[in-house]
Amino acid sequence: MEFKRPIFTKVSDVIWEMPKEFKRGMLVPGRIYATEKLLKEMDNPVFDQLANVAALPGIQNYVFALGDAHSGYGFNIGGAAAFDPEEGGIISPGGVGVDINCGMRLILTDLTVDEVKPKVKELVDNLFKAVPVGVGAKSAFKIRESEFKTIAEEGAKWAIKKGYGWKEDIERTELNGTAEWADSSKISDKVIARGINQMGTLGSGNHYLEIQFIRDENIVDKRIAKKWGLFKNQVVITFHCGSRGAGHQIATDYLQKFLPIMETKYKIKIPDKELASVPFNSSDGQDYYKAMGCGVNVSFVNRQLIMHNVRTVFSKIFNKDPEKLGMRQLFDIAHNRASVERYNIDGVTKTLVVHRKGATASYSPGRKEIPKIYRSDGLPIIVGGSMETGSYLLSGGDRSEQTFCTTAHGAGRTMSRTKARGLFKGEDIQKSMFERGIYEKSNSWTGLAEEAGQAYKDIDEVVNSAEMAGLSRRIVKLLPIGGIKG
């Protein structure tokens, strides 16, 4: 199937408008937040998917794509859309993503790069043992079925009660680590069966764990960096993963449930079955929302258990308690979720369901969604790059409400995994990274080939384009010295 590109109207150097006339049925225009170079790199199906989302009931203002956008399942990855339930606004599993609440966590340390570099190989080898990676990775944590249901409803609170973290971790996690609306009666036995043995595991694909450091010249906002506990030559740890099989099964269950009832029960016609949706205010919509909440909580616990093991490894290698190593969590933020938020639309304050898929919340300073310790600065945002290029810590921009407080979540792919496997060899990538001072360990040469840096967009350009648009602000760039991935 061939996909055409729209004729865009240039709003600014980093904002491009796709007219409603691009495809029949569009209710709102599309807007792409990217430099011209990033726009040209986007695959054509992105624009068709944006147009399809723009045709869904209750959509508000625009449908959005960020600089890291590429095509996905139903909704493009690297995009956002908001729907008004009072106008028949929908909720869609395809707009949330199958890896529900997939996200990033950043752990600080008081260690410097000079202290850590001599121990990087030892650290990475031990992390590789402590944090299972790969498609079939199984948890070292023994969890009963009844306990998994508690996890699905309590989220990070369960982990803290069990001793897998510190109370302050919750204060530095979105939603305080718990989707309070979750209801485990809305998830299937298959969800539990798939999730119960995967807690504390990283998974595969672009999921990773990295040891990183901060160069002095990469501290962009020195005031905020100091306030948040960041300093030159500091070593930090970031990792990227989500709800694993549990989230995938929740998405599968509800996609299959919605497809046969959309048109017959709710009179919703869609241009692509991958957009399966129901009204948010319907009983079916609420069932999915509560099940999605379970996926959110599972992902928070998954990342909490991984962090527990990271702290344990560093404590063992440096022979100090994690507290004495300064291993505080800075923040945990997701980029696959539907959130209920309030916005002003043409002078009227509305409660909307904001879908972010491969896109990160970027709440502007003062918004109540931001934890109190960060509220005056804007939400901390962790944006992952490729394993070869580094990541960014940002904060919510002053003009982020134009995209319903959404910014990019990563570098975004420029080529398929299949193409990357054909062009690159995992062994060569590992050797090249090692020669550049990065010790990378994986259980799959193929996985390394798929995640080659050249398979991704320029993370600096993606982040800069969002900053130019006022969606987010750079605080520091984080450079890798070691990591693990599936």
Protein backbone atom coordinates (compact mmCIF):
# COMPACT_ATOMS: atom_id res chain seq x y z
CA MET A 1 0.00 0.00 0.00
CA GLU A 2 1.35 3.41 -0.95
CA PHE A 3 1.05 6.37 1.40
CA LYS A 4 1.19 9.96 0.24
CA ARG A 5 2.71 12.89 2.09
CA PRO A 6 0.60 15.94 2.94
CA ILE A 7 1.30 19.44 1.74
CA PHE A 8 2.24 21.11 5.01
CA THR A 9 1.71 24.68 6.11
CA LYS A 10 4.79 25.98 7.91
CA VAL A 11 3.68 27.54 11.21
CA SER A 12 7.25 28.02 12.49
CA ASP A 13 10.69 26.48 11.97
CA VAL A 14 9.58 23.52 14.11
CA ILE A 15 5.78 23.42 13.68
CA TRP A 16 4.09 22.05 10.53
CA GLU A 17 0.34 21.82 9.97
CA MET A 18 -1.37 19.02 8.08
CA PRO A 19 -4.77 20.22 6.77
CA LYS A 20 -8.06 18.47 7.45
CA GLU A 21 -8.44 18.10 3.71
CA PHE A 22 -5.53 15.64 3.60
CA LYS A 23 -7.91 12.74 4.19
CA ARG A 24 -11.69 12.47 4.24
CA GLY A 25 -13.16 12.21 7.72
CA MET A 26 -10.56 14.26 9.58
CA LEU A 27 -12.22 16.34 12.31
CA VAL A 28 -9.13 18.36 13.23
CA PRO A 29 -5.82 19.22 11.51
CA GLY A 30 -2.56 17.53 12.37
CA ARG A 31 0.50 19.28 13.79
CA ILE A 32 4.06 17.99 13.63
CA TYR A 33 6.69 19.43 15.99
CA ALA A 34 10.02 18.86 14.27
CA THR A 35 12.76 20.47 12.24
CA GLU A 36 12.43 20.20 8.48
CA LYS A 37 15.14 17.51 8.48
CA LEU A 38 13.26 15.39 11.04
CA LEU A 39 10.02 15.89 9.13
CA LYS A 40 11.62 14.56 5.94
CA GLU A 41 12.93 11.51 7.83
CA MET A 42 9.44 10.45 8.94
CA ASP A 43 7.98 7.46 7.13
CA ASN A 44 4.84 8.28 5.11
CA PRO A 45 2.49 5.97 7.08
CA VAL A 46 2.93 8.38 10.04
CA PHE A 47 0.79 10.98 8.29
CA ASP A 48 -1.90 8.49 7.30
CA GLN A 49 -2.08 7.32 10.91
CA LEU A 50 -2.31 10.92 12.15
CA ALA A 51 -5.20 11.49 9.74
CA ASN A 52 -6.97 8.35 10.97
CA VAL A 53 -6.67 9.44 14.60
CA ALA A 54 -7.97 12.89 13.64
CA ALA A 55 -11.21 11.19 12.57
CA LEU A 56 -11.97 9.66 16.00
CA PRO A 57 -14.97 10.99 17.99
CA GLY A 58 -14.43 13.79 20.48
CA ILE A 59 -10.93 14.76 19.37
CA GLN A 60 -9.84 18.26 20.39
CA ASN A 61 -7.77 20.95 18.61
CA TYR A 62 -5.16 18.88 16.72
CA VAL A 63 -3.62 15.43 16.52
CA PHE A 64 0.11 15.66 17.25
CA ALA A 65 3.39 14.09 16.17
CA LEU A 66 6.75 14.90 17.75
CA GLY A 67 10.21 14.92 16.21
CA ASP A 68 10.77 11.24 17.06
CA ALA A 69 7.57 10.09 15.32
CA HIS A 70 7.41 6.89 13.27
CA SER A 71 4.59 4.58 12.31
CA GLY A 72 3.17 2.15 14.85
CA TYR A 73 0.09 0.05 15.60
CA GLY A 74 -2.96 2.19 14.76
CA PHE A 75 -1.64 5.39 16.29
CA ASN A 76 1.84 6.51 15.28
CA ILE A 77 4.62 6.26 17.86
CA GLY A 78 5.74 9.68 19.04
CA GLY A 79 2.32 11.27 19.10
CA ALA A 80 -0.57 12.51 21.21
CA ALA A 81 -4.28 13.19 20.95
CA ALA A 82 -6.88 14.41 23.44
CA PHE A 83 -10.58 13.50 23.52
CA ASP A 84 -13.53 15.05 25.35
CA PRO A 85 -15.74 12.35 26.95
CA GLU A 86 -18.65 14.82 27.01
CA GLU A 87 -18.49 14.92 23.20
CA GLY A 88 -18.33 11.15 22.79
CA GLY A 89 -14.56 11.12 23.24
CA ILE A 90 -12.99 7.68 23.04
CA ILE A 91 -10.31 5.63 24.72
CA SER A 92 -8.21 3.34 22.53
CA PRO A 93 -5.69 0.61 23.43
CA GLY A 94 -3.86 1.43 20.18
CA GLY A 95 -3.45 5.01 21.39
CA VAL A 96 -1.89 3.86 24.64
CA GLY A 97 0.42 1.21 23.20
CA VAL A 98 0.72 -2.45 24.00
CA ASP A 99 3.52 -1.94 26.54
CA ILE A 100 1.34 0.02 28.95
CA ASN A 101 3.18 2.68 30.97
CA CYS A 102 6.51 1.84 29.38
CA GLY A 103 8.85 4.47 30.71
CA MET A 104 12.17 5.73 32.02
CA ARG A 105 13.71 5.90 35.49
CA LEU A 106 16.76 7.94 36.52
CA ILE A 107 18.85 7.07 39.59
CA LEU A 108 21.43 9.50 40.93
CA THR A 109 24.70 8.59 42.67
CA ASP A 110 27.38 10.55 44.51
CA LEU A 111 30.01 8.68 42.49
CA THR A 112 32.16 10.31 39.82
CA VAL A 113 33.11 8.86 36.45
CA ASP A 114 36.74 8.46 37.61
CA GLU A 115 35.55 6.27 40.50
CA VAL A 116 33.23 4.17 38.34
CA LYS A 117 35.14 3.67 35.08
CA PRO A 118 37.65 1.17 36.54
CA LYS A 119 34.69 -0.91 37.75
CA VAL A 120 32.39 -0.57 34.72
CA LYS A 121 32.94 -4.10 33.42
CA GLU A 122 32.36 -5.59 36.86
CA LEU A 123 29.24 -3.46 37.34
CA VAL A 124 27.77 -4.30 33.93
CA ASP A 125 28.50 -8.04 34.30
CA ASN A 126 26.78 -8.08 37.69
CA LEU A 127 23.84 -6.00 36.49
CA PHE A 128 23.43 -8.44 33.60
CA LYS A 129 23.06 -11.26 36.16
CA ALA A 130 20.79 -9.29 38.49
CA VAL A 131 18.39 -7.82 35.92
CA PRO A 132 17.09 -10.49 33.50
CA VAL A 133 16.99 -9.37 29.85
CA GLY A 134 15.47 -10.75 26.66
CA VAL A 135 12.10 -11.98 25.42
CA GLY A 136 11.90 -14.99 27.74
CA ALA A 137 13.45 -13.30 30.77
CA LYS A 138 11.99 -14.62 34.04
CA SER A 139 11.86 -12.95 37.40
CA ALA A 140 13.96 -13.91 40.40
CA PHE A 141 11.12 -12.56 42.57
CA LYS A 142 8.62 -15.25 43.58
CA ILE A 143 5.15 -13.76 43.40
CA ARG A 144 1.85 -15.54 44.07
CA GLU A 145 -1.28 -14.98 41.97
CA SER A 146 -3.06 -13.16 44.80
CA GLU A 147 0.01 -10.99 45.28
CA PHE A 148 0.09 -10.09 41.58
CA LYS A 149 -3.48 -8.79 41.90
CA THR A 150 -2.34 -6.62 44.81
CA ILE A 151 0.55 -5.34 42.70
CA ALA A 152 -1.92 -4.53 39.91
CA GLU A 153 -3.97 -2.39 42.31
CA GLU A 154 -1.33 -0.89 44.62
CA GLY A 155 1.62 -0.32 42.30
CA ALA A 156 4.84 0.97 43.88
CA LYS A 157 3.21 1.11 47.33
CA TRP A 158 3.33 -2.70 47.36
CA ALA A 159 7.06 -2.69 46.57
CA ILE A 160 7.90 -0.17 49.29
CA LYS A 161 5.91 -2.15 51.88
CA LYS A 162 7.90 -5.24 50.87
CA GLY A 163 11.19 -3.42 51.40
CA TYR A 164 12.08 -3.00 47.72
CA GLY A 165 12.72 0.72 47.90
CA TRP A 166 12.55 3.89 49.94
CA LYS A 167 9.50 5.98 50.74
CA GLU A 168 11.00 8.94 48.86
CA ASP A 169 11.03 6.85 45.65
CA ILE A 170 7.25 7.17 45.49
CA GLU A 171 7.45 10.94 45.88
CA ARG A 172 9.67 10.96 42.78
CA THR A 173 7.41 8.83 40.59
CA GLU A 174 4.52 9.91 38.37
CA LEU A 175 1.13 9.38 40.06
CA ASN A 176 3.11 8.66 43.26
CA GLY A 177 3.70 5.23 41.76
CA THR A 178 0.04 4.14 41.79
CA ALA A 179 -2.83 4.39 39.33
CA GLU A 180 -5.53 4.68 42.00
CA TRP A 181 -8.30 3.81 39.53
CA ALA A 182 -6.92 0.31 38.78
CA ASP A 183 -9.24 -2.68 39.31
CA SER A 184 -7.76 -6.18 39.06
CA SER A 185 -11.21 -7.68 38.39
CA LYS A 186 -10.92 -6.12 34.91
CA ILE A 187 -7.85 -8.14 33.88
CA SER A 188 -7.89 -11.72 32.62
CA ASP A 189 -6.17 -14.84 33.94
CA LYS A 190 -3.92 -14.62 30.87
CA VAL A 191 -2.67 -11.21 32.06
CA ILE A 192 -1.71 -12.69 35.41
CA ALA A 193 -0.12 -15.77 33.83
CA ARG A 194 2.04 -13.64 31.52
CA GLY A 195 3.01 -11.06 34.12
CA ILE A 196 3.63 -13.06 37.27
CA ASN A 197 7.07 -14.34 36.25
CA GLN A 198 8.32 -11.11 34.64
CA MET A 199 8.53 -8.69 37.55
CA GLY A 200 11.95 -7.06 37.79
CA THR A 201 12.91 -7.92 34.19
CA LEU A 202 14.06 -5.61 31.41
CA GLY A 203 12.70 -7.36 28.32
CA SER A 204 14.00 -6.92 24.78
CA GLY A 205 13.90 -4.53 21.83
CA ASN A 206 14.81 -0.97 22.78
CA HIS A 207 14.62 -1.69 26.50
CA TYR A 208 17.93 -1.13 28.25
CA LEU A 209 19.76 -0.16 31.42
CA GLU A 210 22.71 2.26 31.21
CA ILE A 211 25.43 3.64 33.45
CA GLN A 212 25.95 7.23 32.34
CA PHE A 213 27.88 10.33 33.33
CA ILE A 214 27.59 14.11 33.00
CA ARG A 215 30.20 16.24 31.29
CA ASP A 216 30.43 19.81 32.54
CA GLU A 217 29.68 21.22 29.06
CA ASN A 218 26.49 19.10 28.92
CA ILE A 219 24.91 20.82 31.91
CA VAL A 220 22.59 23.25 30.14
CA ASP A 221 20.57 24.61 33.07
CA LYS A 222 23.05 24.86 35.94
CA ARG A 223 20.50 26.21 38.45
CA ILE A 224 18.01 23.39 38.03
CA ALA A 225 20.79 20.78 37.75
CA LYS A 226 22.20 21.84 41.12
CA LYS A 227 18.75 21.98 42.69
CA TRP A 228 17.95 18.45 41.48
CA GLY A 229 21.26 17.02 42.70
CA LEU A 230 23.23 16.84 39.44
CA PHE A 231 26.91 17.80 39.07
CA LYS A 232 29.79 17.52 36.59
CA ASN A 233 31.40 14.08 36.20
CA GLN A 234 28.56 12.52 38.21
CA VAL A 235 27.54 8.95 37.41
CA VAL A 236 23.83 8.18 37.07
CA ILE A 237 21.80 5.15 35.97
CA THR A 238 18.83 5.23 33.63
CA PHE A 239 16.68 2.38 32.42
CA HIS A 240 13.79 1.91 30.02
CA CYS A 241 11.10 -0.79 30.30
CA GLY A 242 7.39 -1.25 30.95
CA SER A 243 4.65 -3.68 31.95
CA ARG A 244 6.03 -6.51 29.78
CA GLY A 245 3.65 -9.42 29.00
CA ALA A 246 0.94 -8.19 31.36
CA GLY A 247 0.54 -4.90 29.51
CA HIS A 248 0.63 -6.64 26.13
CA GLN A 249 -2.11 -9.04 27.20
CA ILE A 250 -4.34 -6.25 28.54
CA ALA A 251 -4.06 -4.48 25.19
CA THR A 252 -4.76 -7.69 23.27
CA ASP A 253 -7.79 -8.57 25.41
CA TYR A 254 -9.45 -5.20 24.96
CA LEU A 255 -8.60 -4.78 21.29
CA GLN A 256 -10.34 -8.09 20.67
CA LYS A 257 -13.26 -7.04 22.84
CA PHE A 258 -13.72 -3.63 21.19
CA LEU A 259 -13.50 -4.66 17.53
CA PRO A 260 -16.87 -6.45 17.28
CA ILE A 261 -18.82 -3.90 19.38
CA MET A 262 -17.50 -0.56 18.16
CA GLU A 263 -19.86 -0.14 15.26
CA THR A 264 -22.78 -2.29 16.41
CA LYS A 265 -22.98 -0.99 19.98
CA TYR A 266 -21.46 2.49 19.75
CA LYS A 267 -21.84 3.44 16.05
CA ILE A 268 -18.12 4.26 15.80
CA LYS A 269 -16.69 3.78 12.34
CA ILE A 270 -12.93 3.71 11.99
CA PRO A 271 -10.63 3.74 8.95
CA ASP A 272 -8.29 1.13 10.49
CA LYS A 273 -9.19 -1.76 12.81
CA GLU A 274 -6.01 -1.06 14.79
CA LEU A 275 -7.81 2.06 16.07
CA ALA A 276 -10.36 -0.04 17.98
CA SER A 277 -12.04 2.41 20.38
CA VAL A 278 -15.09 2.88 22.59
CA PRO A 279 -16.48 5.95 24.38
CA PHE A 280 -14.45 6.69 27.51
CA ASN A 281 -17.62 7.15 29.57
CA SER A 282 -19.11 3.79 28.51
CA SER A 283 -18.92 0.71 30.73
CA ASP A 284 -16.56 -0.89 28.21
CA GLY A 285 -14.36 2.21 28.15
CA GLN A 286 -14.20 2.29 31.94
CA ASP A 287 -13.34 -1.42 32.06
CA TYR A 288 -10.35 -0.83 29.80
CA TYR A 289 -9.31 2.29 31.74
CA LYS A 290 -9.29 0.28 34.99
CA ALA A 291 -7.43 -2.60 33.34
CA MET A 292 -4.93 -0.12 31.87
CA GLY A 293 -4.44 1.18 35.42
CA CYS A 294 -3.38 -2.34 36.40
CA GLY A 295 -0.81 -2.28 33.61
CA VAL A 296 0.41 1.10 34.87
CA ASN A 297 0.90 -0.32 38.36
CA VAL A 298 2.65 -3.44 37.11
CA SER A 299 5.15 -1.28 35.21
CA PHE A 300 5.85 0.88 38.27
CA VAL A 301 6.58 -2.24 40.33
CA ASN A 302 8.70 -3.72 37.55
CA ARG A 303 10.90 -0.63 37.52
CA GLN A 304 10.96 -0.47 41.32
CA LEU A 305 12.25 -4.04 41.55
CA ILE A 306 14.88 -3.36 38.89
CA MET A 307 16.03 -0.31 40.85
CA HIS A 308 16.24 -2.42 44.01
CA ASN A 309 18.59 -4.81 42.22
CA VAL A 310 20.64 -1.95 40.74
CA ARG A 311 21.15 -0.51 44.22
CA THR A 312 22.13 -3.97 45.48
CA VAL A 313 24.75 -4.43 42.73
CA PHE A 314 26.35 -1.02 43.27
CA SER A 315 26.36 -1.58 47.04
CA LYS A 316 28.15 -4.92 46.57
CA ILE A 317 30.78 -3.58 44.15
CA PHE A 318 31.57 -0.43 46.14
CA ASN A 319 31.08 -2.07 49.57
CA LYS A 320 28.81 0.73 50.76
CA ASP A 321 25.10 1.02 51.51
CA PRO A 322 23.05 2.53 48.64
CA GLU A 323 22.21 5.48 50.90
CA LYS A 324 25.91 6.25 51.38
CA LEU A 325 26.41 6.02 47.61
CA GLY A 326 23.69 8.65 47.16
CA MET A 327 21.53 6.33 45.05
CA ARG A 328 18.42 8.48 45.16
CA GLN A 329 15.76 8.28 42.51
CA LEU A 330 15.40 11.53 40.60
CA PHE A 331 12.23 10.58 38.70
CA ASP A 332 10.21 7.88 36.95
CA ILE A 333 8.11 8.89 33.94
CA ALA A 334 6.10 6.92 31.37
CA HIS A 335 5.40 7.43 27.68
CA ASN A 336 2.55 4.96 26.94
CA ARG A 337 -0.59 5.93 28.80
CA ALA A 338 -4.01 7.60 28.62
CA SER A 339 -4.41 10.27 31.31
CA VAL A 340 -7.38 12.32 32.49
CA GLU A 341 -6.33 15.97 32.56
CA ARG A 342 -7.91 19.43 32.45
CA TYR A 343 -7.24 22.01 29.73
CA ASN A 344 -8.69 25.27 28.47
CA ILE A 345 -10.24 24.85 25.03
CA ASP A 346 -11.46 28.11 23.47
CA GLY A 347 -12.06 29.66 26.88
CA VAL A 348 -13.78 26.60 28.36
CA THR A 349 -12.05 24.33 30.91
CA LYS A 350 -12.56 20.71 29.90
CA THR A 351 -11.66 17.32 31.33
CA LEU A 352 -9.95 15.39 28.55
CA VAL A 353 -8.52 11.92 28.00
CA VAL A 354 -4.99 12.53 26.69
CA HIS A 355 -3.46 9.60 24.82
CA ARG A 356 0.34 9.63 24.70
CA LYS A 357 1.95 6.84 22.72
CA GLY A 358 5.72 6.92 22.58
CA ALA A 359 5.36 10.46 23.90
CA THR A 360 6.12 11.92 27.31
CA ALA A 361 4.13 14.23 29.55
CA SER A 362 5.78 17.66 29.82
CA TYR A 363 3.67 19.49 32.38
CA SER A 364 4.50 23.18 32.54
CA PRO A 365 5.56 24.71 35.89
CA GLY A 366 2.76 24.92 38.42
CA ARG A 367 0.49 22.16 37.10
CA LYS A 368 -0.93 19.92 39.83
CA GLU A 369 0.19 16.73 38.06
CA ILE A 370 3.79 17.59 39.03
CA PRO A 371 5.07 16.30 42.41
CA LYS A 372 5.41 19.17 44.87
CA ILE A 373 9.20 18.92 45.03
CA TYR A 374 9.41 19.73 41.30
CA ARG A 375 6.23 21.77 40.73
CA SER A 376 7.85 25.18 40.41
CA ASP A 377 10.42 23.89 37.90
CA GLY A 378 8.22 21.87 35.55
CA LEU A 379 7.98 18.10 35.32
CA PRO A 380 11.29 16.19 35.11
CA ILE A 381 11.39 14.37 31.75
CA ILE A 382 13.80 11.55 30.86
CA VAL A 383 14.32 11.14 27.11
CA GLY A 384 16.27 8.08 26.01
CA GLY A 385 18.51 8.14 22.96
CA SER A 386 20.15 5.21 21.22
CA MET A 387 22.60 3.06 23.21
CA GLU A 388 25.48 4.78 21.38
CA THR A 389 24.51 8.43 21.79
CA GLY A 390 23.19 9.15 25.29
CA SER A 391 20.02 10.48 26.88
CA TYR A 392 18.58 13.75 28.18
CA LEU A 393 16.99 15.05 31.33
CA LEU A 394 14.51 17.84 30.52
CA SER A 395 11.79 19.78 32.31
CA GLY A 396 8.30 20.74 31.18
CA GLY A 397 8.25 23.81 28.95
CA ASP A 398 6.29 27.01 29.53
CA ARG A 399 4.35 26.53 26.26
CA SER A 400 3.74 22.79 26.48
CA GLU A 401 -0.05 23.12 26.82
CA GLN A 402 -0.20 23.66 23.04
CA THR A 403 0.38 19.87 22.72
CA PHE A 404 -1.64 19.00 25.83
CA CYS A 405 1.65 19.00 27.77
CA THR A 406 3.42 16.46 25.58
CA THR A 407 6.98 16.19 24.29
CA ALA A 408 9.19 13.58 22.58
CA HIS A 409 10.15 10.36 24.36
CA GLY A 410 13.34 9.35 22.55
CA ALA A 411 15.35 9.47 19.36
CA GLY A 412 12.80 7.56 17.25
CA ARG A 413 13.70 4.97 14.64
CA THR A 414 14.74 5.90 11.12
CA MET A 415 14.84 2.32 9.84
CA SER A 416 13.06 -0.94 10.58
CA ARG A 417 14.62 -3.64 12.74
CA THR A 418 14.76 -5.86 9.66
CA LYS A 419 16.77 -3.27 7.74
CA ALA A 420 19.09 -2.69 10.70
CA ARG A 421 19.77 -6.43 10.98
CA GLY A 422 20.74 -6.46 7.31
CA LEU A 423 23.10 -3.50 7.62
CA PHE A 424 24.82 -4.04 10.96
CA LYS A 425 26.43 -6.84 12.97
CA GLY A 426 26.01 -6.95 16.72
CA GLU A 427 29.61 -8.09 17.23
CA ASP A 428 30.92 -5.10 15.29
CA ILE A 429 28.73 -2.67 17.22
CA GLN A 430 29.84 -4.05 20.58
CA LYS A 431 33.51 -3.77 19.55
CA SER A 432 33.08 -0.23 18.22
CA MET A 433 31.31 0.88 21.41
CA PHE A 434 34.03 -0.65 23.57
CA GLU A 435 36.70 1.23 21.62
CA ARG A 436 34.77 4.43 22.38
CA GLY A 437 34.66 3.69 26.09
CA ILE A 438 31.21 2.05 26.34
CA TYR A 439 30.98 -1.52 27.68
CA GLU A 440 27.69 -2.97 26.36
CA LYS A 441 26.42 -6.45 27.22
CA SER A 442 23.50 -8.26 25.57
CA ASN A 443 22.18 -11.79 25.26
CA SER A 444 21.63 -11.31 21.52
CA TRP A 445 23.87 -10.12 18.68
CA THR A 446 20.71 -9.59 16.65
CA GLY A 447 19.31 -7.33 19.36
CA LEU A 448 22.44 -5.18 19.28
CA ALA A 449 22.26 -4.92 15.48
CA GLU A 450 18.62 -3.79 15.64
CA GLU A 451 19.52 -1.06 18.15
CA ALA A 452 22.49 0.41 16.26
CA GLY A 453 22.82 4.14 16.73
CA GLN A 454 22.46 4.70 12.97
CA ALA A 455 18.99 3.11 13.12
CA TYR A 456 17.81 6.11 15.16
CA LYS A 457 17.30 9.82 14.60
CA ASP A 458 19.62 12.46 16.02
CA ILE A 459 18.60 12.74 19.69
CA ASP A 460 20.06 16.27 19.91
CA GLU A 461 17.90 17.47 17.04
CA VAL A 462 14.76 15.85 18.46
CA VAL A 463 15.30 17.44 21.87
CA ASN A 464 16.29 20.83 20.43
CA SER A 465 13.21 20.99 18.19
CA ALA A 466 10.94 20.38 21.20
CA GLU A 467 12.78 23.08 23.12
CA MET A 468 12.44 25.56 20.25
CA ALA A 469 8.68 24.96 20.30
CA GLY A 470 8.52 25.53 24.07
CA LEU A 471 7.42 21.98 24.86
CA SER A 472 10.37 21.10 27.11
CA ARG A 473 13.70 22.53 28.30
CA ARG A 474 17.10 20.84 28.41
CA ILE A 475 18.69 20.37 31.84
CA VAL A 476 21.57 17.92 31.18
CA LYS A 477 22.74 15.41 28.61
CA LEU A 478 23.79 11.97 29.91
CA LEU A 479 26.52 9.99 28.14
CA PRO A 480 26.84 6.18 28.37
CA ILE A 481 29.87 4.27 29.70
CA GLY A 482 28.19 0.87 30.09
CA GLY A 483 24.88 -0.88 29.70
CA ILE A 484 22.83 -4.03 29.29
CA LYS A 485 20.01 -4.91 26.89
CA GLY A 486 18.09 -7.87 25.56
